Amino acid sequence: MNENDISVDQKPGHDEDDVDPENQMFSLSGNNENLELAIDSSHEIEIDHHGEMLTVGQEFPDVRSCRRALRDMAIAQHFEMQTIKSDKTRFTAKCSSEGCPWRVHAAKLPGVPTFTIRTIHESHTCGGINHLGHQQASVQWVATSVEQRLRENPNCKPKEILEEIHRVHGITLSYKQAWRGKERIMATMRGSFEEGYRLLPQYCDQVKRTNPGSIASVYGSPADDCFQRLFVSFQASIYGFLNACRPLLGLDRTYLKSKYLGTLLLATGFDGDGALFPLAFGIVDEESDENWMWFLCELHNLLETNTENMPRLTILSDRQKGIVEGVEQNSSQRPFTASA
């Protein structure tokens, strides 16, 4: 199995706040049922170069820089901009409001990538936008706006991102935009979820290479090679459980809150002082009887491989059907006894 053998099933889940970001609009007042937040065009916003007025003759390194400057100005001054022409040599846009005369035209200087503003009608008659959101406030703009804050505090929540954007720029965006903007920056900082799943086979190989005696296996769905299961037990955990723990094994699970969800299955021993001692963990696409039986089979193979005289173990669990059947299936060959 190579790094391309495992993909990720495209079934995205909830974000870290357990809120579906698909259509959620977040109210700064905390009331999401009837969001009525008027945009005050006189709102004092904290801006640096984003709020400066553009002038005829002003130059930019290239067309992208020119477009970004116009976008930032539109957001800062609370009007939306409609692009009329945009190519490698020229950029023309106007105010999106019907009848407003504001218009700008920029063009490339000969022989260099530099763009300069040729004409601009600075006056608006529209009064600015008076609705939620902003046409120029894309997900990428959100990501760029909060990148530094997320680098300093990766645990910053979408709610806090929305509050900062409203405070700094005076606009209110959807929860989904804040969530996706954060996700985009986190992907540049830590890699994407999809890339992480693709690297699982390599991770397992590295665990076994750098920790001899450890067990690390990843399995994909036979139908489409999407991620299905991961089982990991480090050699130190195996040795400690077999040599310093009571013949007692606790089984539990917890649900993962990430883009693609999943369930973490846990097998934990108890040392001489009664403290928890981790033996192994598994990650599965969902909690099911079949996945619990697979996890117990992996535990059975682990213990059978590493000891010849392993005493029968008592299992502590919530007696879910899959756990009970898994214990019964493996008990005839040891090492499991009844589930308590």
Protein backbone atom coordinates (compact mmCIF):
# COMPACT_ATOMS: atom_id res chain seq x y z
CA MET A 1 0.00 0.00 0.00
CA ASN A 2 1.46 3.39 -0.98
CA GLU A 3 0.53 6.95 -0.13
CA ASN A 4 -2.07 7.06 -2.90
CA ASP A 5 -3.95 3.98 -1.70
CA ILE A 6 -6.02 5.84 0.86
CA SER A 7 -8.27 8.74 -0.03
CA VAL A 8 -10.94 10.36 2.06
CA ASP A 9 -14.63 9.74 1.70
CA GLN A 10 -16.23 13.02 0.69
CA LYS A 11 -18.70 13.25 3.53
CA PRO A 12 -17.70 16.41 5.41
CA GLY A 13 -18.95 16.84 8.93
CA HIS A 14 -19.33 19.59 11.46
CA ASP A 15 -16.70 22.03 12.48
CA GLU A 16 -15.23 22.33 15.94
CA ASP A 17 -18.24 24.27 17.27
CA ASP A 18 -20.63 21.49 16.24
CA VAL A 19 -22.49 23.98 14.03
CA ASP A 20 -23.36 23.15 10.47
CA PRO A 21 -21.57 25.87 8.50
CA GLU A 22 -23.51 25.28 5.30
CA ASN A 23 -26.07 28.04 5.64
CA GLN A 24 -25.49 29.37 9.13
CA MET A 25 -25.50 33.12 9.58
CA PHE A 26 -23.98 34.13 12.90
CA SER A 27 -25.45 36.94 14.91
CA LEU A 28 -22.98 39.00 16.88
CA SER A 29 -25.65 39.42 19.52
CA GLY A 30 -25.95 35.67 19.95
CA ASN A 31 -29.45 35.42 18.50
CA ASN A 32 -29.32 33.42 15.27
CA GLU A 33 -33.06 33.11 14.74
CA ASN A 34 -33.72 36.57 13.34
CA LEU A 35 -30.52 38.21 12.26
CA GLU A 36 -31.16 41.89 11.70
CA LEU A 37 -27.87 43.72 11.75
CA ALA A 38 -27.86 46.94 9.74
CA ILE A 39 -24.60 48.04 8.16
CA ASP A 40 -23.81 51.59 9.18
CA SER A 41 -21.85 53.30 6.42
CA SER A 42 -20.41 55.69 8.99
CA HIS A 43 -19.05 52.81 11.10
CA GLU A 44 -15.55 53.61 12.28
CA ILE A 45 -13.25 50.83 11.16
CA GLU A 46 -9.63 50.16 11.99
CA ILE A 47 -7.80 50.09 8.67
CA ASP A 48 -4.29 50.66 7.39
CA HIS A 49 -3.61 50.89 3.66
CA HIS A 50 -6.96 49.25 2.86
CA GLY A 51 -8.82 52.51 3.37
CA GLU A 52 -6.64 54.87 1.36
CA MET A 53 -8.20 56.65 -1.58
CA LEU A 54 -7.05 55.59 -5.02
CA THR A 55 -5.89 58.29 -7.40
CA VAL A 56 -5.26 58.62 -11.11
CA GLY A 57 -1.67 57.67 -11.87
CA GLN A 58 -1.32 55.39 -8.85
CA GLU A 59 0.74 52.32 -9.76
CA PHE A 60 0.67 48.66 -8.69
CA PRO A 61 3.21 45.88 -9.32
CA ASP A 62 0.76 43.85 -11.41
CA VAL A 63 -2.92 43.35 -12.21
CA ARG A 64 -3.53 41.13 -9.19
CA SER A 65 -2.20 43.79 -6.84
CA CYS A 66 -4.42 46.34 -8.53
CA ARG A 67 -7.51 44.15 -8.15
CA ARG A 68 -6.69 43.48 -4.49
CA ALA A 69 -6.34 47.19 -3.76
CA LEU A 70 -9.69 47.93 -5.40
CA ARG A 71 -11.32 45.06 -3.53
CA ASP A 72 -9.97 46.27 -0.18
CA MET A 73 -11.13 49.81 -0.92
CA ALA A 74 -14.63 48.58 -1.80
CA ILE A 75 -14.86 46.64 1.47
CA ALA A 76 -13.49 49.52 3.52
CA GLN A 77 -15.88 52.06 1.97
CA HIS A 78 -18.90 49.72 2.08
CA PHE A 79 -19.77 49.50 -1.59
CA GLU A 80 -19.75 46.52 -3.92
CA MET A 81 -17.88 46.47 -7.19
CA GLN A 82 -18.81 44.85 -10.49
CA THR A 83 -16.00 43.88 -12.88
CA ILE A 84 -16.58 44.91 -16.49
CA LYS A 85 -13.24 43.94 -18.05
CA SER A 86 -10.31 42.07 -16.55
CA ASP A 87 -7.39 40.64 -18.50
CA LYS A 88 -3.59 40.86 -18.64
CA THR A 89 -3.55 44.44 -19.90
CA ARG A 90 -6.58 46.20 -18.44
CA PHE A 91 -9.07 46.22 -15.59
CA THR A 92 -12.36 48.10 -15.53
CA ALA A 93 -15.01 48.03 -12.81
CA LYS A 94 -18.03 50.00 -11.65
CA CYS A 95 -20.19 50.27 -8.55
CA SER A 96 -22.75 47.45 -8.40
CA SER A 97 -25.55 49.77 -7.32
CA GLU A 98 -27.95 50.68 -10.11
CA GLY A 99 -27.38 54.21 -11.37
CA CYS A 100 -24.26 54.94 -9.28
CA PRO A 101 -21.63 56.68 -11.47
CA TRP A 102 -18.53 55.36 -9.66
CA ARG A 103 -16.19 53.70 -12.15
CA VAL A 104 -12.48 52.88 -12.36
CA HIS A 105 -10.19 51.90 -15.23
CA ALA A 106 -6.60 50.63 -14.88
CA ALA A 107 -4.18 49.54 -17.58
CA LYS A 108 -0.76 47.93 -17.93
CA LEU A 109 2.26 50.11 -18.66
CA PRO A 110 4.24 49.18 -21.80
CA GLY A 111 7.09 46.71 -21.33
CA VAL A 112 6.54 46.12 -17.60
CA PRO A 113 3.93 44.25 -15.49
CA THR A 114 3.06 47.46 -13.64
CA PHE A 115 -0.58 48.59 -13.66
CA THR A 116 -1.67 52.18 -13.25
CA ILE A 117 -5.05 53.78 -12.65
CA ARG A 118 -6.00 55.74 -15.76
CA THR A 119 -9.42 57.09 -14.80
CA ILE A 120 -11.58 57.00 -11.68
CA HIS A 121 -14.91 58.55 -10.77
CA GLU A 122 -14.55 58.98 -7.02
CA SER A 123 -18.11 60.01 -6.12
CA HIS A 124 -20.84 57.54 -5.11
CA THR A 125 -24.52 58.40 -5.21
CA CYS A 126 -25.70 55.01 -3.93
CA GLY A 127 -25.02 55.48 -0.23
CA GLY A 128 -23.20 52.14 0.04
CA ILE A 129 -24.53 48.68 0.80
CA ASN A 130 -27.19 48.05 3.43
CA HIS A 131 -27.30 44.27 3.48
CA LEU A 132 -25.40 41.43 5.14
CA GLY A 133 -22.19 40.20 3.57
CA HIS A 134 -20.10 41.75 0.84
CA GLN A 135 -19.60 40.67 -2.76
CA GLN A 136 -15.82 41.23 -2.59
CA ALA A 137 -15.38 39.50 0.81
CA SER A 138 -14.47 36.08 -0.58
CA VAL A 139 -13.26 33.10 1.42
CA GLN A 140 -9.71 33.93 0.36
CA TRP A 141 -10.15 37.49 1.59
CA VAL A 142 -11.38 36.19 4.94
CA ALA A 143 -8.40 33.83 5.14
CA THR A 144 -5.94 36.61 4.35
CA SER A 145 -7.60 38.99 6.81
CA VAL A 146 -7.28 36.65 9.79
CA GLU A 147 -4.14 34.74 8.83
CA GLN A 148 -1.89 36.44 11.38
CA ARG A 149 -4.39 35.93 14.20
CA LEU A 150 -4.76 32.23 13.36
CA ARG A 151 -1.00 31.78 13.28
CA GLU A 152 -0.83 33.28 16.76
CA ASN A 153 -3.91 31.41 18.01
CA PRO A 154 -4.91 28.37 15.90
CA ASN A 155 -7.78 27.69 18.33
CA CYS A 156 -9.57 30.89 17.32
CA LYS A 157 -13.19 29.99 16.57
CA PRO A 158 -15.26 31.08 13.55
CA LYS A 159 -17.41 33.14 15.91
CA GLU A 160 -14.34 35.13 16.95
CA ILE A 161 -13.30 35.55 13.31
CA LEU A 162 -16.72 37.02 12.51
CA GLU A 163 -16.46 39.42 15.43
CA GLU A 164 -13.01 40.60 14.36
CA ILE A 165 -14.04 41.11 10.74
CA HIS A 166 -17.05 43.13 11.86
CA ARG A 167 -14.94 45.21 14.24
CA VAL A 168 -12.13 45.87 11.77
CA HIS A 169 -14.01 46.07 8.47
CA GLY A 170 -17.58 46.85 9.48
CA ILE A 171 -19.20 43.98 7.58
CA THR A 172 -21.05 40.87 8.74
CA LEU A 173 -20.41 37.61 6.93
CA SER A 174 -21.90 34.13 7.13
CA TYR A 175 -20.63 31.55 9.57
CA LYS A 176 -19.74 29.34 6.60
CA GLN A 177 -17.37 31.97 5.18
CA ALA A 178 -15.53 32.31 8.49
CA TRP A 179 -15.34 28.52 8.87
CA ARG A 180 -14.00 28.03 5.34
CA GLY A 181 -11.56 30.92 5.68
CA LYS A 182 -10.11 29.38 8.82
CA GLU A 183 -9.96 25.97 7.16
CA ARG A 184 -7.99 27.42 4.24
CA ILE A 185 -5.37 29.00 6.49
CA MET A 186 -5.10 25.91 8.70
CA ALA A 187 -4.47 23.85 5.56
CA THR A 188 -1.52 26.06 4.65
CA MET A 189 -0.17 25.81 8.20
CA ARG A 190 -0.74 22.13 8.93
CA GLY A 191 -1.74 20.56 5.64
CA SER A 192 -5.23 19.61 4.55
CA PHE A 193 -7.38 16.81 5.95
CA GLU A 194 -7.26 15.11 2.56
CA GLU A 195 -3.46 15.15 2.45
CA GLY A 196 -3.36 13.78 5.99
CA TYR A 197 -5.46 10.78 5.00
CA ARG A 198 -3.26 10.15 1.96
CA LEU A 199 -0.17 10.09 4.18
CA LEU A 200 -1.54 7.51 6.64
CA PRO A 201 0.21 4.54 4.94
CA GLN A 202 3.54 6.38 5.21
CA TYR A 203 2.79 7.24 8.83
CA CYS A 204 2.21 3.57 9.64
CA ASP A 205 5.46 2.60 7.93
CA GLN A 206 7.37 5.22 9.93
CA VAL A 207 5.82 4.08 13.23
CA LYS A 208 6.93 0.49 12.60
CA ARG A 209 10.37 1.57 11.39
CA THR A 210 11.17 3.96 14.25
CA ASN A 211 9.39 1.94 16.98
CA PRO A 212 10.26 -1.73 16.34
CA GLY A 213 7.60 -4.03 17.73
CA SER A 214 4.84 -1.47 17.26
CA ILE A 215 1.70 -2.25 15.27
CA ALA A 216 0.31 0.29 12.82
CA SER A 217 -2.09 -0.63 10.03
CA VAL A 218 -4.43 1.37 7.81
CA TYR A 219 -7.26 -0.08 5.76
CA GLY A 220 -9.28 1.36 2.90
CA SER A 221 -12.75 0.49 1.70
CA PRO A 222 -12.58 -2.27 -0.94
CA ALA A 223 -15.10 -0.42 -3.09
CA ASP A 224 -13.33 2.92 -3.50
CA ASP A 225 -10.11 2.90 -1.39
CA CYS A 226 -11.51 5.61 0.87
CA PHE A 227 -10.30 5.55 4.47
CA GLN A 228 -12.07 3.00 6.65
CA ARG A 229 -9.90 1.95 9.61
CA LEU A 230 -6.62 2.63 11.42
CA PHE A 231 -5.11 0.54 14.23
CA VAL A 232 -2.06 1.63 16.27
CA SER A 233 -0.34 0.17 19.32
CA PHE A 234 3.15 1.31 20.28
CA GLN A 235 5.73 -1.21 21.45
CA ALA A 236 6.18 0.55 24.80
CA SER A 237 2.43 0.28 25.43
CA ILE A 238 2.41 -3.42 24.54
CA TYR A 239 5.39 -4.15 26.81
CA GLY A 240 3.99 -2.11 29.69
CA PHE A 241 0.56 -3.74 29.48
CA LEU A 242 1.96 -7.28 29.42
CA ASN A 243 4.48 -6.72 32.21
CA ALA A 244 2.98 -4.17 34.58
CA CYS A 245 -0.82 -4.15 34.23
CA ARG A 246 -3.64 -6.16 35.70
CA PRO A 247 -5.50 -8.65 33.45
CA LEU A 248 -8.20 -6.06 32.91
CA LEU A 249 -8.98 -4.19 29.70
CA GLY A 250 -11.31 -1.23 29.30
CA LEU A 251 -12.95 -0.47 25.95
CA ASP A 252 -14.45 2.89 25.08
CA ARG A 253 -15.00 5.25 22.19
CA THR A 254 -15.32 8.94 21.47
CA TYR A 255 -16.61 10.75 18.40
CA LEU A 256 -14.16 12.86 16.43
CA LYS A 257 -15.07 16.45 15.57
CA SER A 258 -13.23 17.18 12.35
CA LYS A 259 -14.13 17.77 8.74
CA TYR A 260 -14.75 14.08 8.05
CA LEU A 261 -15.83 12.99 11.55
CA GLY A 262 -15.13 9.35 12.49
CA THR A 263 -14.88 7.48 15.79
CA LEU A 264 -11.87 6.84 18.03
CA LEU A 265 -11.88 3.36 19.63
CA LEU A 266 -9.74 2.90 22.75
CA ALA A 267 -8.29 -0.08 24.62
CA THR A 268 -6.91 0.85 28.05
CA GLY A 269 -5.27 -1.20 30.77
CA PHE A 270 -4.86 -0.50 34.49
CA ASP A 271 -1.46 -0.45 36.18
CA GLY A 272 -0.64 -1.51 39.74
CA ASP A 273 -1.84 1.80 41.13
CA GLY A 274 -5.12 1.61 39.26
CA ALA A 275 -4.12 4.36 36.83
CA LEU A 276 -5.15 4.15 33.18
CA PHE A 277 -2.53 2.70 30.84
CA PRO A 278 -3.17 3.07 27.07
CA LEU A 279 -2.68 -0.11 25.06
CA ALA A 280 -4.05 0.63 21.59
CA PHE A 281 -6.36 2.87 19.63
CA GLY A 282 -8.28 2.60 16.42
CA ILE A 283 -9.93 5.16 14.17
CA VAL A 284 -12.91 4.03 12.12
CA ASP A 285 -15.30 5.73 9.74
CA GLU A 286 -18.22 5.10 12.11
CA GLU A 287 -19.09 3.21 15.27
CA SER A 288 -20.67 -0.10 14.31
CA ASP A 289 -20.78 -3.70 15.48
CA GLU A 290 -18.57 -4.66 12.56
CA ASN A 291 -15.91 -2.10 13.49
CA TRP A 292 -15.94 -3.16 17.15
CA MET A 293 -15.46 -6.79 16.13
CA TRP A 294 -12.57 -5.75 13.87
CA PHE A 295 -10.95 -3.78 16.74
CA LEU A 296 -11.22 -6.73 19.13
CA CYS A 297 -9.77 -9.05 16.50
CA GLU A 298 -6.78 -6.69 16.15
CA LEU A 299 -6.35 -6.69 19.94
CA HIS A 300 -6.52 -10.48 20.03
CA ASN A 301 -3.83 -10.77 17.35
CA LEU A 302 -1.68 -8.21 19.17
CA LEU A 303 -1.77 -10.10 22.46
CA GLU A 304 -1.44 -13.52 20.86
CA THR A 305 1.64 -12.39 18.93
CA ASN A 306 3.41 -10.89 21.93
CA THR A 307 2.88 -13.52 24.66
CA GLU A 308 2.60 -17.26 25.05
CA ASN A 309 1.01 -17.38 28.51
CA MET A 310 -1.31 -14.43 28.56
CA PRO A 311 -3.92 -14.77 31.33
CA ARG A 312 -7.55 -14.41 30.34
CA LEU A 313 -8.64 -10.80 30.40
CA THR A 314 -11.78 -9.28 31.84
CA ILE A 315 -13.29 -6.69 29.52
CA LEU A 316 -14.91 -3.53 30.89
CA SER A 317 -17.31 -1.91 28.43
CA ASP A 318 -20.87 -0.74 27.85
CA ARG A 319 -21.67 -4.19 26.39
CA GLN A 320 -22.48 -2.93 22.93
CA LYS A 321 -23.49 -5.74 20.61
CA GLY A 322 -20.30 -5.59 18.55
CA ILE A 323 -18.14 -5.74 21.68
CA VAL A 324 -20.00 -8.72 23.13
CA GLU A 325 -19.87 -10.62 19.84
CA GLY A 326 -16.19 -9.77 19.40
CA VAL A 327 -15.37 -11.07 22.87
CA GLU A 328 -17.35 -14.26 22.28
CA GLN A 329 -15.71 -14.78 18.89
CA ASN A 330 -12.20 -14.54 20.34
CA SER A 331 -12.73 -16.00 23.83
CA SER A 332 -12.42 -19.62 22.73
CA GLN A 333 -8.83 -18.93 21.70
CA ARG A 334 -8.07 -16.62 24.62
CA PRO A 335 -7.24 -14.05 25.84
CA PHE A 336 -10.72 -12.57 26.43
CA THR A 337 -13.31 -13.53 28.97
CA ALA A 338 -16.77 -12.10 29.61
CA SER A 339 -17.57 -8.44 29.09
CA ALA A 340 -18.38 -6.75 32.38
